[in-house]
Protein backbone atom coordinates (compact mmCIF):
# COMPACT_ATOMS: atom_id res chain seq x y z
CA MET A 1 -4.77 4.27 -15.75
CA LEU A 2 -1.77 6.14 -16.99
CA SER A 3 0.37 9.03 -15.89
CA GLU A 4 -0.37 12.16 -17.84
CA ARG A 5 2.37 14.69 -18.50
CA PRO A 6 0.75 17.34 -20.69
CA ARG A 7 2.55 19.90 -22.78
CA GLY A 8 5.83 18.19 -23.48
CA GLY A 9 6.62 15.23 -21.21
CA LYS A 10 9.77 14.86 -19.17
CA PRO A 11 13.02 16.50 -20.25
CA ALA A 12 15.61 14.44 -22.04
CA THR A 13 18.47 13.47 -19.77
CA ALA A 14 20.93 12.19 -22.33
CA THR A 15 21.40 11.66 -26.02
CA PRO A 16 19.81 8.30 -26.84
CA GLY A 17 22.02 5.69 -28.39
CA THR A 18 25.33 7.08 -27.24
CA GLN A 19 25.95 4.11 -24.94
CA GLU A 20 24.21 1.38 -26.98
CA ASN A 21 25.42 -0.43 -30.08
CA PRO A 22 23.10 -0.61 -33.13
CA MET A 23 21.85 -4.08 -32.17
CA GLY A 24 21.07 -2.88 -28.63
CA ARG A 25 19.15 0.08 -30.03
CA PHE A 26 17.19 -2.21 -32.35
CA ILE A 27 16.34 -4.58 -29.49
CA ALA A 28 15.24 -1.58 -27.40
CA PHE A 29 13.00 -0.50 -30.29
CA LEU A 30 11.40 -3.95 -30.54
CA TYR A 31 10.91 -3.95 -26.76
CA GLY A 32 9.20 -0.56 -26.98
CA LEU A 33 6.91 -1.82 -29.75
CA ALA A 34 6.01 -4.92 -27.74
CA SER A 35 5.31 -2.85 -24.62
CA TYR A 36 3.08 -0.53 -26.63
CA ALA A 37 1.19 -3.49 -28.11
CA VAL A 38 0.57 -4.88 -24.61
CA PHE A 39 -0.63 -1.45 -23.47
CA PHE A 40 -3.01 -0.97 -26.39
CA ALA A 41 -4.55 -4.44 -25.99
CA THR A 42 -4.94 -3.75 -22.25
CA PHE A 43 -6.55 -0.36 -22.92
CA LEU A 44 -9.09 -1.90 -25.29
CA TYR A 45 -9.84 -4.66 -22.77
CA ALA A 46 -10.29 -2.04 -20.04
CA ILE A 47 -13.09 -0.42 -22.06
CA GLY A 48 -14.90 -3.75 -22.31
CA PHE A 49 -14.14 -4.65 -18.70
CA VAL A 50 -15.69 -1.48 -17.31
CA SER A 51 -18.58 -1.24 -19.78
CA GLY A 52 -19.40 -4.95 -19.64
CA LEU A 53 -19.25 -5.35 -23.40
CA GLY A 54 -17.23 -7.52 -25.76
CA VAL A 55 -14.78 -9.22 -23.37
CA PRO A 56 -14.94 -12.62 -21.63
CA LYS A 57 -14.61 -11.20 -18.09
CA THR A 58 -16.06 -7.89 -17.00
CA ILE A 59 -16.29 -5.95 -13.77
CA ASP A 60 -19.58 -7.71 -12.97
CA THR A 61 -18.82 -11.29 -14.05
CA GLY A 62 -16.84 -14.12 -12.48
CA THR A 63 -17.07 -16.14 -9.30
CA VAL A 64 -19.12 -14.37 -6.65
CA VAL A 65 -17.63 -14.50 -3.15
CA PRO A 66 -18.86 -12.88 0.10
CA MET A 67 -19.01 -9.07 -0.15
CA ALA A 68 -16.29 -8.41 2.44
CA GLN A 69 -13.90 -10.87 0.80
CA ALA A 70 -14.54 -9.37 -2.64
CA CYS A 71 -14.05 -5.82 -1.33
CA ILE A 72 -10.71 -6.67 0.31
CA ALA A 73 -9.44 -8.53 -2.76
CA ASN A 74 -10.44 -5.71 -5.11
CA LEU A 75 -8.91 -3.01 -2.92
CA LEU A 76 -5.65 -4.96 -2.84
CA LEU A 77 -5.66 -5.29 -6.63
CA MET A 78 -6.24 -1.55 -7.07
CA SER A 79 -3.54 -0.83 -4.50
CA VAL A 80 -1.03 -2.91 -6.45
CA PHE A 81 -1.74 -0.82 -9.54
CA ALA A 82 -1.71 2.47 -7.63
CA VAL A 83 1.64 1.77 -5.93
CA GLN A 84 3.30 0.59 -9.14
CA HIS A 85 1.85 3.43 -11.19
CA SER A 86 2.78 6.15 -8.70
CA VAL A 87 6.19 4.95 -7.52
CA MET A 88 7.57 4.27 -11.00
CA ALA A 89 6.40 7.71 -12.16
CA ARG A 90 8.36 9.60 -9.53
CA LYS A 91 11.67 11.23 -10.42
CA PRO A 92 13.76 9.63 -7.59
CA PHE A 93 12.66 6.16 -8.68
CA LYS A 94 13.48 6.94 -12.32
CA GLN A 95 16.96 8.12 -11.34
CA TRP A 96 17.53 4.87 -9.45
CA TRP A 97 15.83 2.65 -12.03
CA THR A 98 17.85 3.97 -15.00
CA GLN A 99 21.00 2.68 -13.34
CA PHE A 100 19.74 -0.77 -14.33
CA VAL A 101 17.67 -0.18 -17.48
CA PRO A 102 18.60 2.09 -20.41
CA ALA A 103 16.95 5.51 -20.26
CA SER A 104 15.54 4.92 -23.74
CA VAL A 105 13.28 2.11 -22.48
CA GLU A 106 12.42 3.56 -19.06
CA ARG A 107 9.02 4.82 -20.25
CA SER A 108 8.27 1.61 -22.16
CA THR A 109 9.06 -0.41 -19.04
CA TYR A 110 6.77 1.80 -16.97
CA VAL A 111 3.99 1.33 -19.54
CA LEU A 112 4.54 -2.44 -19.62
CA PHE A 113 4.45 -2.81 -15.82
CA SER A 114 1.31 -0.64 -15.61
CA SER A 115 -0.37 -2.80 -18.24
CA LEU A 116 0.57 -6.01 -16.42
CA ALA A 117 -0.80 -4.60 -13.15
CA LEU A 118 -4.09 -3.94 -14.94
CA VAL A 119 -4.10 -7.43 -16.47
CA LEU A 120 -3.73 -8.83 -12.94
CA LEU A 121 -6.65 -6.68 -11.81
CA PHE A 122 -8.88 -7.85 -14.69
CA TRP A 123 -7.96 -11.48 -14.06
CA GLN A 124 -8.41 -11.55 -10.30
CA TRP A 125 -11.25 -9.01 -9.87
CA ARG A 126 -14.11 -10.29 -7.75
CA PRO A 127 -17.58 -9.17 -8.86
CA MET A 128 -19.83 -7.41 -6.36
CA PRO A 129 -23.22 -7.68 -8.06
CA ALA A 130 -25.37 -5.85 -5.49
CA LEU A 131 -27.35 -3.23 -7.42
CA VAL A 132 -26.81 0.44 -6.54
CA TRP A 133 -28.82 1.95 -9.40
CA GLN A 134 -30.21 0.92 -12.76
CA VAL A 135 -31.61 3.08 -15.54
CA ALA A 136 -34.87 1.44 -16.60
CA ASP A 137 -35.58 3.46 -19.75
CA PRO A 138 -33.62 1.81 -22.62
CA HIS A 139 -33.12 5.10 -24.49
CA ILE A 140 -31.67 6.85 -21.43
CA ALA A 141 -29.56 3.77 -20.67
CA MET A 142 -28.17 3.89 -24.21
CA ALA A 143 -27.40 7.59 -23.82
CA VAL A 144 -25.56 6.95 -20.54
CA THR A 145 -23.54 4.17 -22.20
CA GLY A 146 -22.74 6.56 -25.04
CA LEU A 147 -21.50 9.11 -22.51
CA SER A 148 -19.21 6.46 -21.03
CA PHE A 149 -17.73 5.73 -24.46
CA ALA A 150 -17.35 9.49 -25.03
CA GLY A 151 -15.21 9.52 -21.87
CA TRP A 152 -12.95 6.82 -23.33
CA LEU A 153 -12.72 8.83 -26.56
CA ILE A 154 -11.65 11.92 -24.59
CA VAL A 155 -8.95 9.79 -22.92
CA LEU A 156 -7.56 8.54 -26.21
CA THR A 157 -7.70 11.85 -28.07
CA SER A 158 -6.12 13.66 -25.11
CA THR A 159 -3.06 11.42 -25.41
CA PHE A 160 -2.63 12.38 -29.06
CA LEU A 161 -2.97 16.08 -28.23
CA ILE A 162 0.01 15.92 -25.86
CA ASN A 163 2.10 13.33 -27.82
CA HIS A 164 0.65 9.85 -27.65
CA PHE A 165 3.81 8.10 -28.77
CA GLU A 166 6.02 9.83 -26.21
CA LEU A 167 3.50 9.14 -23.45
CA PHE A 168 3.71 5.41 -24.18
CA GLY A 169 7.44 5.17 -24.90
CA LEU A 170 7.52 4.74 -28.70
CA HIS A 171 9.00 8.17 -29.38
CA GLN A 172 11.86 7.45 -27.00
CA VAL A 173 12.84 4.09 -28.53
CA ALA A 174 12.44 5.44 -32.09
CA SER A 175 14.71 8.40 -31.32
CA ASN A 176 17.17 6.05 -29.66
CA LEU A 177 17.17 3.81 -32.74
CA ALA A 178 17.96 6.82 -34.93
CA GLY A 179 20.61 8.07 -32.50
CA ARG A 180 18.74 11.31 -31.84
CA ALA A 181 18.14 13.11 -28.55
CA MET A 182 14.59 13.62 -27.35
CA PRO A 183 13.41 17.20 -27.98
CA ALA A 184 13.24 19.58 -25.05
CA PRO A 185 9.80 19.79 -23.41
CA ARG A 186 7.52 22.63 -24.48
CA PHE A 187 4.55 23.97 -22.59
CA ARG A 188 1.43 23.69 -24.78
CA THR A 189 -2.32 23.75 -24.16
CA PRO A 190 -3.99 22.25 -27.25
CA LEU A 191 -7.79 21.96 -27.60
CA TYR A 192 -9.18 20.30 -24.43
CA TYR A 193 -6.29 21.66 -22.37
CA ARG A 194 -7.62 25.18 -22.87
CA PHE A 195 -10.70 24.28 -20.82
CA VAL A 196 -9.41 21.84 -18.20
CA ARG A 197 -5.88 21.06 -17.09
CA HIS A 198 -6.42 17.30 -17.07
CA PRO A 199 -8.89 16.24 -19.78
CA LEU A 200 -7.37 12.76 -19.89
CA TYR A 201 -8.27 12.17 -16.25
CA LEU A 202 -11.67 13.80 -16.77
CA GLY A 203 -12.31 11.28 -19.56
CA PHE A 204 -11.56 8.40 -17.19
CA ILE A 205 -13.93 9.79 -14.55
CA ILE A 206 -16.74 10.13 -17.10
CA ALA A 207 -16.09 6.60 -18.42
CA PHE A 208 -16.13 5.07 -14.93
CA TRP A 209 -19.19 6.88 -13.52
CA ALA A 210 -21.48 6.98 -16.59
CA ALA A 211 -23.11 3.60 -15.95
CA PRO A 212 -26.72 2.71 -16.75
CA THR A 213 -26.30 -0.18 -14.29
CA MET A 214 -24.14 0.61 -11.27
CA THR A 215 -23.26 -2.38 -9.14
CA ALA A 216 -21.37 -2.30 -5.86
CA GLY A 217 -18.28 -3.54 -7.67
CA ARG A 218 -18.33 -0.81 -10.30
CA LEU A 219 -19.08 1.79 -7.64
CA LEU A 220 -16.03 0.65 -5.66
CA PHE A 221 -13.90 0.76 -8.79
CA ALA A 222 -15.15 4.22 -9.79
CA ALA A 223 -14.78 5.69 -6.30
CA VAL A 224 -11.27 4.36 -5.65
CA THR A 225 -9.94 5.26 -9.09
CA THR A 226 -11.41 8.78 -8.84
CA ALA A 227 -9.73 9.29 -5.46
CA TYR A 228 -6.47 7.99 -6.92
CA ILE A 229 -6.79 10.35 -9.90
CA VAL A 230 -7.17 13.37 -7.59
CA VAL A 231 -4.09 12.37 -5.58
CA GLY A 232 -2.20 11.67 -8.81
CA ILE A 233 -3.05 15.13 -10.14
CA LEU A 234 -1.66 16.79 -7.01
CA LEU A 235 1.62 14.86 -7.34
CA GLU A 236 1.85 15.43 -11.08
CA GLU A 237 1.16 19.15 -10.88
CA ARG A 238 4.02 19.51 -8.42
CA ASP A 239 6.30 17.99 -11.07
CA LEU A 240 4.81 20.19 -13.80
CA VAL A 241 5.42 23.34 -11.77
CA ALA A 242 9.02 22.23 -11.25
CA LEU A 243 9.36 21.59 -14.98
CA PHE A 244 7.57 24.63 -16.44
CA GLY A 245 7.69 27.11 -13.55
CA ASP A 246 5.62 30.30 -13.89
CA ASP A 247 4.07 29.14 -17.18
CA TYR A 248 2.31 26.34 -15.36
CA ARG A 249 1.47 28.46 -12.32
CA ARG A 250 -0.31 30.98 -14.58
CA TYR A 251 -2.05 28.11 -16.35
CA LYS A 252 -3.33 26.78 -12.99
CA ASN A 253 -4.74 30.21 -12.15
CA ARG A 254 -6.44 30.49 -15.53
CA VAL A 255 -7.81 27.00 -16.18
CA SER A 256 -9.75 24.67 -13.87
CA MET A 257 -8.42 21.24 -12.93
CA LEU A 258 -11.27 18.98 -14.06
CA VAL A 259 -14.56 20.90 -14.31
CA PRO A 260 -14.57 23.26 -17.34
CA TRP A 261 -17.02 25.84 -15.96
CA ARG A 262 -15.43 26.24 -12.55
CA LYS A 263 -12.43 28.49 -11.97
CA SER A 264 -9.56 27.04 -10.00
CA ALA A 265 -8.46 28.74 -6.81
């Protein structure tokens, strides 16, 4: 759902504001705020969409079409998000992209485009209501739902542990508005990061798979997003090794990737 860069984010490439007038910096700040607002609304909707609670359209509601047609449409929607989310996160794309957009709003633009790709997915998702499993006991079903919400809580708190406002572009536009450079990245492993290298992604996996009622549509969503998360981790860890060097290599040897009680190779 979002690209995690734990322990400090990407290095600053230039002093913000040096090539923008005060009005341009203020507009960039408003743009960053608007992008963050779109993200946060999308994140809240995503919780309801996956859990089936509190939103007008969920993963299991909407017009039912033949299974093959729904599967193809949903795979295309997830592919749109995956391509956008992965390509825009890569360093070569950022170097090309910042020739056209100010560096101060590069992260905000990435966040905005990711949010819009998710909005498209929510809007056009085709339900696949065939039942895979269902927890009959209401108490167990409630506990499973609670576990799903715990996953979402892990996602949100993980972002604050590594710098929520930098992850979603607000820190960059605020520093740009003040004419300050972004601080240099520091390697840190706060709280969850002492037990798994990617608690944010672990939270997503828990949220997607902890379902008292698992339909074919939710199973497809959970399986594809989990596969994408694993691929995303491999790409991201390559960048983190390049950024933090031996510090991150030692961290990989010491802390498991996603499962707290299993040592990484």
